[in-house]
Amino acid sequence: MRSVGGPWRHKTTQRRGGHVKMLTIEADDFEQQYQESLSDTCTPELLFDRCWVDTLLTNVVSELRADYQKAEKAALFDALSPYLAGGLPRDVIGKQLGMSAEAVAMSLHRMRKRYGEILRRSIADTVAHPDDIEDELSRLMEVVATRQAR
């Protein structure tokens, strides 16, 4: 004999790991990183640092994206995020979003500022003392520069 609450109870039952944030692993991404690391002649330490930087920056962008989605500004994030590090055709993006070039510039400034805040907080989670944040940030920039120099 089935109880009336059976289907509801089955649907709402807490499963093992039910409130755990899941991390998806794309085998293709790991394979690509592995193949790139094989063709590189850098030290194991530098490879570790590069993986750390990649993971850190990916997490920072994901958190920034979540902030924009929560504020119902996903379209703004999608339009501006490719320009976090570089030049921006403000007038083109402004027309796409129905904004002035100045509003686009201000939005990008705010996005970059928030990106920096999230990055510093993420680095703070990995260091023993707050005074080490700037040193770690400098190291991150060095790793990024060596990757771009390849």
Protein backbone atom coordinates (compact mmCIF):
# COMPACT_ATOMS: atom_id res chain seq x y z
CA MET A 1 0.00 0.00 0.00
CA ARG A 2 1.42 3.39 -1.02
CA SER A 3 1.07 6.41 1.19
CA VAL A 4 -0.23 9.72 -0.15
CA GLY A 5 3.00 11.53 0.71
CA GLY A 6 5.21 8.90 -0.95
CA PRO A 7 5.84 10.69 -4.27
CA TRP A 8 6.38 14.06 -2.57
CA ARG A 9 8.70 12.52 0.04
CA HIS A 10 10.64 10.75 -2.72
CA LYS A 11 10.97 13.97 -4.73
CA THR A 12 12.13 16.09 -1.76
CA THR A 13 14.40 13.56 -0.06
CA GLN A 14 17.84 14.93 0.74
CA ARG A 15 20.42 12.93 -1.14
CA ARG A 16 24.02 12.38 -0.16
CA GLY A 17 25.88 15.60 -0.95
CA GLY A 18 22.61 17.42 -1.70
CA HIS A 19 23.79 20.88 -0.65
CA VAL A 20 27.27 20.56 -2.09
CA LYS A 21 28.26 22.82 -4.96
CA MET A 22 29.18 20.57 -7.86
CA LEU A 23 32.23 21.23 -9.99
CA THR A 24 32.03 20.05 -13.55
CA ILE A 25 35.14 18.66 -15.11
CA GLU A 26 35.50 18.84 -18.85
CA ALA A 27 37.86 16.10 -20.01
CA ASP A 28 38.64 18.03 -23.19
CA ASP A 29 39.87 21.03 -21.18
CA PHE A 30 42.17 18.88 -19.07
CA GLU A 31 43.44 17.05 -22.14
CA GLN A 32 44.23 20.34 -23.85
CA GLN A 33 46.06 21.67 -20.78
CA TYR A 34 47.98 18.40 -20.51
CA GLN A 35 49.02 18.48 -24.16
CA GLU A 36 50.11 22.11 -23.86
CA SER A 37 52.15 21.32 -20.76
CA LEU A 38 53.93 18.47 -22.58
CA SER A 39 55.01 20.79 -25.36
CA ASP A 40 56.24 23.39 -22.87
CA THR A 41 59.77 23.32 -21.50
CA CYS A 42 59.03 25.23 -18.29
CA THR A 43 59.64 23.97 -14.78
CA PRO A 44 57.10 21.95 -12.78
CA GLU A 45 56.77 24.92 -10.42
CA LEU A 46 55.81 27.23 -13.27
CA LEU A 47 53.34 24.66 -14.59
CA PHE A 48 51.78 24.48 -11.11
CA ASP A 49 51.60 28.28 -10.95
CA ARG A 50 49.98 28.45 -14.38
CA CYS A 51 47.34 25.91 -13.37
CA TRP A 52 46.73 27.87 -10.17
CA VAL A 53 46.36 31.13 -12.09
CA ASP A 54 44.02 29.53 -14.64
CA THR A 55 41.83 28.09 -11.90
CA LEU A 56 41.84 31.29 -9.86
CA LEU A 57 40.94 33.53 -12.81
CA THR A 58 38.26 31.12 -14.02
CA ASN A 59 36.68 31.16 -10.56
CA VAL A 60 36.88 34.96 -10.38
CA VAL A 61 35.13 35.35 -13.74
CA SER A 62 32.49 32.80 -12.70
CA GLU A 63 31.76 34.72 -9.52
CA LEU A 64 31.66 38.01 -11.42
CA ARG A 65 29.24 36.46 -13.94
CA ALA A 66 27.05 35.25 -11.06
CA ASP A 67 27.01 38.78 -9.60
CA TYR A 68 25.82 40.20 -12.91
CA GLN A 69 23.22 37.47 -13.36
CA LYS A 70 21.89 38.07 -9.86
CA ALA A 71 21.57 41.78 -10.72
CA GLU A 72 19.79 40.80 -13.96
CA LYS A 73 22.63 42.27 -16.04
CA ALA A 74 23.81 39.12 -17.79
CA ALA A 75 23.64 40.81 -21.22
CA LEU A 76 25.93 43.58 -19.96
CA PHE A 77 28.37 41.03 -18.60
CA ASP A 78 28.36 39.08 -21.86
CA ALA A 79 28.99 42.24 -23.87
CA LEU A 80 31.76 43.66 -21.66
CA SER A 81 33.59 40.62 -20.28
CA PRO A 82 35.74 40.08 -23.39
CA TYR A 83 37.12 43.59 -22.80
CA LEU A 84 38.12 43.23 -19.15
CA ALA A 85 41.78 43.32 -20.14
CA GLY A 86 41.80 45.39 -23.29
CA GLY A 87 40.36 47.94 -25.67
CA LEU A 88 36.68 48.38 -26.17
CA PRO A 89 34.61 49.53 -29.13
CA ARG A 90 32.33 51.51 -26.78
CA ASP A 91 30.07 52.90 -29.47
CA VAL A 92 29.37 49.45 -30.98
CA ILE A 93 28.61 47.88 -27.60
CA GLY A 94 26.57 50.93 -26.61
CA LYS A 95 24.39 50.56 -29.67
CA GLN A 96 23.90 46.85 -28.97
CA LEU A 97 22.85 47.54 -25.39
CA GLY A 98 21.06 50.83 -25.94
CA MET A 99 23.64 52.73 -23.87
CA SER A 100 25.86 55.73 -24.52
CA ALA A 101 29.60 55.23 -25.00
CA GLU A 102 30.15 56.96 -21.64
CA ALA A 103 27.76 54.58 -19.89
CA VAL A 104 29.58 51.63 -21.44
CA ALA A 105 32.92 53.04 -20.24
CA MET A 106 31.55 53.50 -16.71
CA SER A 107 30.06 49.99 -16.69
CA LEU A 108 33.38 48.53 -17.79
CA HIS A 109 35.18 50.53 -15.10
CA ARG A 110 32.80 49.12 -12.48
CA MET A 111 33.20 45.58 -13.85
CA ARG A 112 36.99 45.84 -13.70
CA LYS A 113 36.82 47.22 -10.16
CA ARG A 114 34.58 44.35 -9.03
CA TYR A 115 36.86 41.85 -10.82
CA GLY A 116 39.81 43.23 -8.83
CA GLU A 117 37.89 42.97 -5.57
CA ILE A 118 36.96 39.35 -6.22
CA LEU A 119 40.52 38.55 -7.32
CA ARG A 120 42.05 40.07 -4.18
CA ARG A 121 39.54 38.29 -1.95
CA SER A 122 40.25 34.99 -3.72
CA ILE A 123 43.98 35.49 -3.24
CA ALA A 124 43.39 36.41 0.41
CA ASP A 125 41.80 32.98 0.86
CA THR A 126 45.08 31.34 -0.22
CA VAL A 127 47.64 33.29 1.82
CA ALA A 128 48.49 33.10 5.52
CA HIS A 129 48.71 36.85 6.13
CA PRO A 130 46.93 39.82 4.50
CA ASP A 131 50.29 41.47 3.84
CA ASP A 132 51.05 38.62 1.41
CA ILE A 133 48.18 39.50 -0.95
CA GLU A 134 50.17 42.02 -2.98
CA ASP A 135 53.15 39.66 -3.31
CA GLU A 136 50.85 36.89 -4.49
CA LEU A 137 49.16 39.24 -6.92
CA SER A 138 52.57 40.22 -8.29
CA ARG A 139 53.41 36.54 -8.74
CA LEU A 140 50.14 36.01 -10.55
CA MET A 141 51.00 38.85 -12.95
CA GLU A 142 54.45 37.34 -13.58
CA VAL A 143 52.89 33.97 -14.43
CA VAL A 144 50.42 35.61 -16.79
CA ALA A 145 53.24 37.56 -18.43
CA THR A 146 55.34 34.42 -18.99
CA ARG A 147 52.36 32.69 -20.58
CA GLN A 148 51.76 35.61 -22.94
CA ALA A 149 55.45 35.75 -23.86
CA ARG A 150 55.28 32.20 -25.27
